[in-house]
């Protein structure tokens, strides 16, 4: 019975991993295609790999404000998490 339960957990874990990684695969797959290929046919793999989309994002000036906003948001999240951790530590000391 224990072996059967282990197999069920393993199968569930593999399904979970596949479904969790599927959006990441889909995003990478779509980013390596041209707009015409995205809109014309459905396939699991790009027929013609192109890195033009990445060149546009990293060289176009209009995307820089998005990078700066993301860095500001991540710094706020990091500082907030650090501050909450310090508060929790202080509360834990008072609890004793």
N, C-alpha and C. Protein backbone atom coordinates (compact mmCIF):
# COMPACT_ATOMS: atom_id res chain seq x y z
N UNK A 1 0.81 -1.19 0.00
CA UNK A 1 0.00 0.00 0.00
C UNK A 1 0.86 1.26 0.00
N UNK A 2 1.97 1.21 0.69
CA UNK A 2 2.84 2.37 0.77
C UNK A 2 3.47 2.67 -0.60
N UNK A 3 3.79 1.61 -1.34
CA UNK A 3 4.38 1.78 -2.67
C UNK A 3 3.36 2.36 -3.64
N UNK A 4 2.11 1.96 -3.52
CA UNK A 4 1.05 2.49 -4.38
C UNK A 4 0.85 3.98 -4.11
N UNK A 5 0.89 4.34 -2.84
CA UNK A 5 0.74 5.75 -2.47
C UNK A 5 1.91 6.58 -3.00
N UNK A 6 3.12 6.02 -2.95
CA UNK A 6 4.30 6.69 -3.46
C UNK A 6 4.18 6.92 -4.97
N UNK A 7 3.67 5.93 -5.71
CA UNK A 7 3.50 6.07 -7.15
C UNK A 7 2.48 7.16 -7.48
N UNK A 8 1.39 7.22 -6.71
CA UNK A 8 0.38 8.25 -6.94
C UNK A 8 0.96 9.63 -6.69
N UNK A 9 1.74 9.77 -5.64
CA UNK A 9 2.36 11.06 -5.35
C UNK A 9 3.35 11.45 -6.44
N UNK A 10 4.10 10.48 -6.93
CA UNK A 10 5.08 10.76 -7.97
C UNK A 10 4.39 11.20 -9.25
N UNK A 11 3.33 10.52 -9.63
CA UNK A 11 2.58 10.90 -10.83
C UNK A 11 1.97 12.29 -10.66
N UNK A 12 1.39 12.55 -9.51
CA UNK A 12 0.82 13.88 -9.25
C UNK A 12 1.90 14.96 -9.31
N UNK A 13 3.07 14.68 -8.76
CA UNK A 13 4.16 15.64 -8.77
C UNK A 13 4.62 15.95 -10.19
N UNK A 14 4.73 14.93 -11.02
CA UNK A 14 5.13 15.16 -12.41
C UNK A 14 4.09 15.97 -13.17
N UNK A 15 2.82 15.69 -12.98
CA UNK A 15 1.78 16.50 -13.62
C UNK A 15 1.84 17.94 -13.13
N UNK A 16 2.06 18.11 -11.85
CA UNK A 16 2.14 19.46 -11.29
C UNK A 16 3.33 20.22 -11.90
N UNK A 17 4.48 19.57 -12.01
CA UNK A 17 5.66 20.22 -12.58
C UNK A 17 5.42 20.60 -14.03
N UNK A 18 4.83 19.69 -14.80
CA UNK A 18 4.56 19.99 -16.21
C UNK A 18 3.61 21.17 -16.34
N UNK A 19 2.52 21.17 -15.59
CA UNK A 19 1.56 22.26 -15.68
C UNK A 19 2.11 23.56 -15.12
N UNK A 20 3.03 23.49 -14.17
CA UNK A 20 3.63 24.71 -13.63
C UNK A 20 4.62 25.32 -14.62
N UNK A 21 5.34 24.48 -15.36
CA UNK A 21 6.33 24.98 -16.31
C UNK A 21 5.76 25.27 -17.69
N UNK A 22 4.55 24.85 -17.96
CA UNK A 22 3.94 25.06 -19.28
C UNK A 22 3.82 26.53 -19.65
N UNK A 23 3.39 27.43 -18.77
CA UNK A 23 3.34 28.85 -19.15
C UNK A 23 4.70 29.46 -19.47
N UNK A 24 5.73 29.01 -18.77
CA UNK A 24 7.08 29.51 -19.05
C UNK A 24 7.53 29.05 -20.42
N UNK A 25 7.27 27.78 -20.74
CA UNK A 25 7.59 27.27 -22.07
C UNK A 25 6.82 28.05 -23.15
N UNK A 26 5.54 28.29 -22.90
CA UNK A 26 4.71 28.98 -23.88
C UNK A 26 5.22 30.40 -24.11
N UNK A 27 5.62 31.08 -23.05
CA UNK A 27 6.14 32.44 -23.17
C UNK A 27 7.44 32.45 -23.97
N UNK A 28 8.34 31.55 -23.69
CA UNK A 28 9.59 31.48 -24.46
C UNK A 28 9.33 31.09 -25.91
N UNK A 29 8.42 30.18 -26.11
CA UNK A 29 8.07 29.73 -27.46
C UNK A 29 7.54 30.90 -28.29
N UNK A 30 6.64 31.67 -27.72
CA UNK A 30 6.05 32.81 -28.44
C UNK A 30 7.06 33.93 -28.65
N UNK A 31 7.99 34.08 -27.72
CA UNK A 31 8.96 35.17 -27.86
C UNK A 31 9.98 34.89 -28.97
N UNK A 32 10.15 33.64 -29.33
CA UNK A 32 11.12 33.29 -30.37
C UNK A 32 10.48 33.18 -31.76
N UNK A 33 9.25 33.62 -31.91
CA UNK A 33 8.55 33.57 -33.19
C UNK A 33 8.33 34.98 -33.73
N UNK A 34 8.07 35.06 -35.00
CA UNK A 34 7.67 36.33 -35.58
C UNK A 34 6.17 36.52 -35.36
N UNK A 35 5.71 37.74 -35.50
CA UNK A 35 4.28 38.01 -35.31
C UNK A 35 3.43 37.25 -36.33
N UNK A 36 3.92 37.16 -37.55
CA UNK A 36 3.17 36.43 -38.58
C UNK A 36 3.03 34.96 -38.24
N UNK A 37 4.09 34.37 -37.73
CA UNK A 37 4.04 32.95 -37.37
C UNK A 37 3.12 32.70 -36.18
N UNK A 38 3.07 33.63 -35.24
CA UNK A 38 2.18 33.49 -34.08
C UNK A 38 0.73 33.52 -34.54
N UNK A 39 0.41 34.42 -35.44
CA UNK A 39 -0.98 34.60 -35.86
C UNK A 39 -1.43 33.62 -36.93
N UNK A 40 -0.50 32.99 -37.64
CA UNK A 40 -0.92 32.15 -38.77
C UNK A 40 -1.16 30.69 -38.40
N UNK A 41 -0.23 30.04 -37.75
CA UNK A 41 -0.35 28.60 -37.51
C UNK A 41 -0.13 28.28 -36.03
N UNK A 42 -0.60 27.12 -35.64
CA UNK A 42 -0.36 26.60 -34.30
C UNK A 42 0.66 25.49 -34.38
N UNK A 43 1.72 25.60 -33.63
CA UNK A 43 2.70 24.52 -33.52
C UNK A 43 3.37 24.63 -32.16
N UNK A 44 3.87 23.53 -31.69
CA UNK A 44 4.50 23.51 -30.37
C UNK A 44 5.92 24.05 -30.39
N UNK A 45 6.53 24.05 -31.58
CA UNK A 45 7.89 24.53 -31.73
C UNK A 45 7.94 25.57 -32.84
N UNK A 46 8.74 26.63 -32.69
CA UNK A 46 8.83 27.63 -33.76
C UNK A 46 9.52 27.05 -34.99
N UNK A 47 9.00 27.41 -36.15
CA UNK A 47 9.61 26.93 -37.40
C UNK A 47 10.89 27.69 -37.71
N UNK A 48 10.87 28.99 -37.46
CA UNK A 48 12.03 29.83 -37.71
C UNK A 48 12.33 30.62 -36.44
N UNK A 49 13.43 30.28 -35.80
CA UNK A 49 13.81 30.99 -34.57
C UNK A 49 14.26 32.41 -34.92
N UNK A 50 13.78 33.37 -34.14
CA UNK A 50 14.21 34.75 -34.32
C UNK A 50 14.40 35.39 -32.96
N UNK A 51 15.48 36.16 -32.87
CA UNK A 51 15.75 36.89 -31.63
C UNK A 51 15.49 38.38 -31.82
N UNK A 52 14.74 38.73 -32.85
CA UNK A 52 14.44 40.14 -33.14
C UNK A 52 13.60 40.77 -32.03
N UNK A 53 12.72 40.00 -31.43
CA UNK A 53 11.91 40.54 -30.33
C UNK A 53 12.78 40.94 -29.15
N UNK A 54 13.78 40.13 -28.84
CA UNK A 54 14.68 40.46 -27.74
C UNK A 54 15.55 41.66 -28.10
N UNK A 55 15.97 41.76 -29.35
CA UNK A 55 16.76 42.92 -29.79
C UNK A 55 15.93 44.19 -29.65
N UNK A 56 14.65 44.12 -29.97
CA UNK A 56 13.77 45.29 -29.84
C UNK A 56 13.63 45.71 -28.39
N UNK A 57 13.43 44.78 -27.51
CA UNK A 57 13.23 45.10 -26.10
C UNK A 57 14.50 45.70 -25.48
N UNK A 58 15.66 45.17 -25.82
CA UNK A 58 16.89 45.63 -25.18
C UNK A 58 17.48 46.87 -25.84
N UNK A 59 17.05 47.24 -27.04
CA UNK A 59 17.62 48.41 -27.71
C UNK A 59 16.64 49.57 -27.84
N UNK A 60 15.35 49.35 -27.69
CA UNK A 60 14.37 50.42 -27.83
C UNK A 60 14.29 51.23 -26.53
N UNK A 61 14.36 52.55 -26.67
CA UNK A 61 14.39 53.43 -25.50
C UNK A 61 13.05 53.43 -24.76
N UNK A 62 11.96 53.18 -25.44
CA UNK A 62 10.64 53.23 -24.78
C UNK A 62 10.47 52.13 -23.74
N UNK A 63 11.28 51.09 -23.76
CA UNK A 63 11.18 50.02 -22.77
C UNK A 63 11.95 50.33 -21.49
N UNK A 64 12.82 51.33 -21.50
CA UNK A 64 13.66 51.61 -20.33
C UNK A 64 12.85 52.03 -19.10
N UNK A 65 11.78 52.76 -19.30
CA UNK A 65 10.98 53.18 -18.15
C UNK A 65 10.35 51.96 -17.45
N UNK A 66 10.00 50.95 -18.22
CA UNK A 66 9.48 49.72 -17.62
C UNK A 66 10.52 49.02 -16.77
N UNK A 67 11.79 49.01 -17.23
CA UNK A 67 12.86 48.40 -16.44
C UNK A 67 13.05 49.15 -15.13
N UNK A 68 13.05 50.48 -15.22
CA UNK A 68 13.27 51.29 -14.02
C UNK A 68 12.12 51.09 -13.04
N UNK A 69 10.88 51.07 -13.53
CA UNK A 69 9.74 50.84 -12.64
C UNK A 69 9.81 49.47 -11.98
N UNK A 70 10.24 48.46 -12.72
CA UNK A 70 10.37 47.12 -12.14
C UNK A 70 11.43 47.10 -11.05
N UNK A 71 12.56 47.76 -11.29
CA UNK A 71 13.62 47.81 -10.27
C UNK A 71 13.14 48.53 -9.02
N UNK A 72 12.37 49.60 -9.19
CA UNK A 72 11.84 50.32 -8.03
C UNK A 72 10.88 49.42 -7.25
N UNK A 73 10.00 48.74 -7.95
CA UNK A 73 9.05 47.86 -7.27
C UNK A 73 9.76 46.73 -6.53
N UNK A 74 10.75 46.11 -7.18
CA UNK A 74 11.47 45.01 -6.53
C UNK A 74 12.25 45.50 -5.31
N UNK A 75 12.79 46.71 -5.37
CA UNK A 75 13.51 47.23 -4.20
C UNK A 75 12.53 47.49 -3.06
N UNK A 76 11.32 47.98 -3.37
CA UNK A 76 10.32 48.19 -2.32
C UNK A 76 9.89 46.86 -1.70
N UNK A 77 9.72 45.87 -2.53
CA UNK A 77 9.33 44.54 -2.02
C UNK A 77 10.43 43.98 -1.13
N UNK A 78 11.68 44.12 -1.58
CA UNK A 78 12.80 43.60 -0.79
C UNK A 78 12.93 44.33 0.54
N UNK A 79 12.81 45.65 0.52
CA UNK A 79 12.90 46.42 1.77
C UNK A 79 11.73 46.08 2.70
N UNK A 80 10.54 45.96 2.14
CA UNK A 80 9.37 45.61 2.96
C UNK A 80 9.52 44.25 3.59
N UNK A 81 10.01 43.28 2.84
CA UNK A 81 10.22 41.94 3.39
C UNK A 81 11.26 41.95 4.49
N UNK A 82 12.33 42.72 4.28
CA UNK A 82 13.37 42.82 5.30
C UNK A 82 12.82 43.46 6.57
N UNK A 83 12.05 44.54 6.43
CA UNK A 83 11.47 45.23 7.58
C UNK A 83 10.50 44.33 8.33
N UNK A 84 9.68 43.59 7.58
CA UNK A 84 8.75 42.65 8.23
C UNK A 84 9.50 41.56 8.97
N UNK A 85 10.59 41.10 8.41
CA UNK A 85 11.39 40.09 9.09
C UNK A 85 11.97 40.61 10.40
N UNK A 86 12.43 41.86 10.38
CA UNK A 86 12.95 42.44 11.63
C UNK A 86 11.85 42.59 12.66
N UNK A 87 10.67 43.03 12.23
CA UNK A 87 9.54 43.17 13.17
C UNK A 87 9.15 41.82 13.76
N UNK A 88 9.11 40.81 12.93
CA UNK A 88 8.76 39.48 13.44
C UNK A 88 9.79 38.97 14.43
N UNK A 89 11.06 39.27 14.15
CA UNK A 89 12.12 38.87 15.08
C UNK A 89 11.94 39.56 16.42
N UNK A 90 11.63 40.87 16.38
CA UNK A 90 11.43 41.61 17.63
C UNK A 90 10.21 41.09 18.39
N UNK A 91 9.14 40.80 17.70
CA UNK A 91 7.95 40.24 18.36
C UNK A 91 8.24 38.87 18.96
N UNK A 92 9.05 38.10 18.30
CA UNK A 92 9.40 36.78 18.82
C UNK A 92 10.21 36.91 20.11
N UNK A 93 11.06 37.94 20.18
CA UNK A 93 11.83 38.14 21.40
C UNK A 93 10.92 38.55 22.56
N UNK A 94 9.90 39.37 22.30
CA UNK A 94 8.97 39.77 23.36
C UNK A 94 8.11 38.60 23.82
N UNK A 95 7.91 37.65 22.97
CA UNK A 95 7.04 36.51 23.29
C UNK A 95 7.64 35.61 24.36
N UNK A 96 8.95 35.60 24.43
CA UNK A 96 9.62 34.70 25.39
C UNK A 96 9.46 35.15 26.74
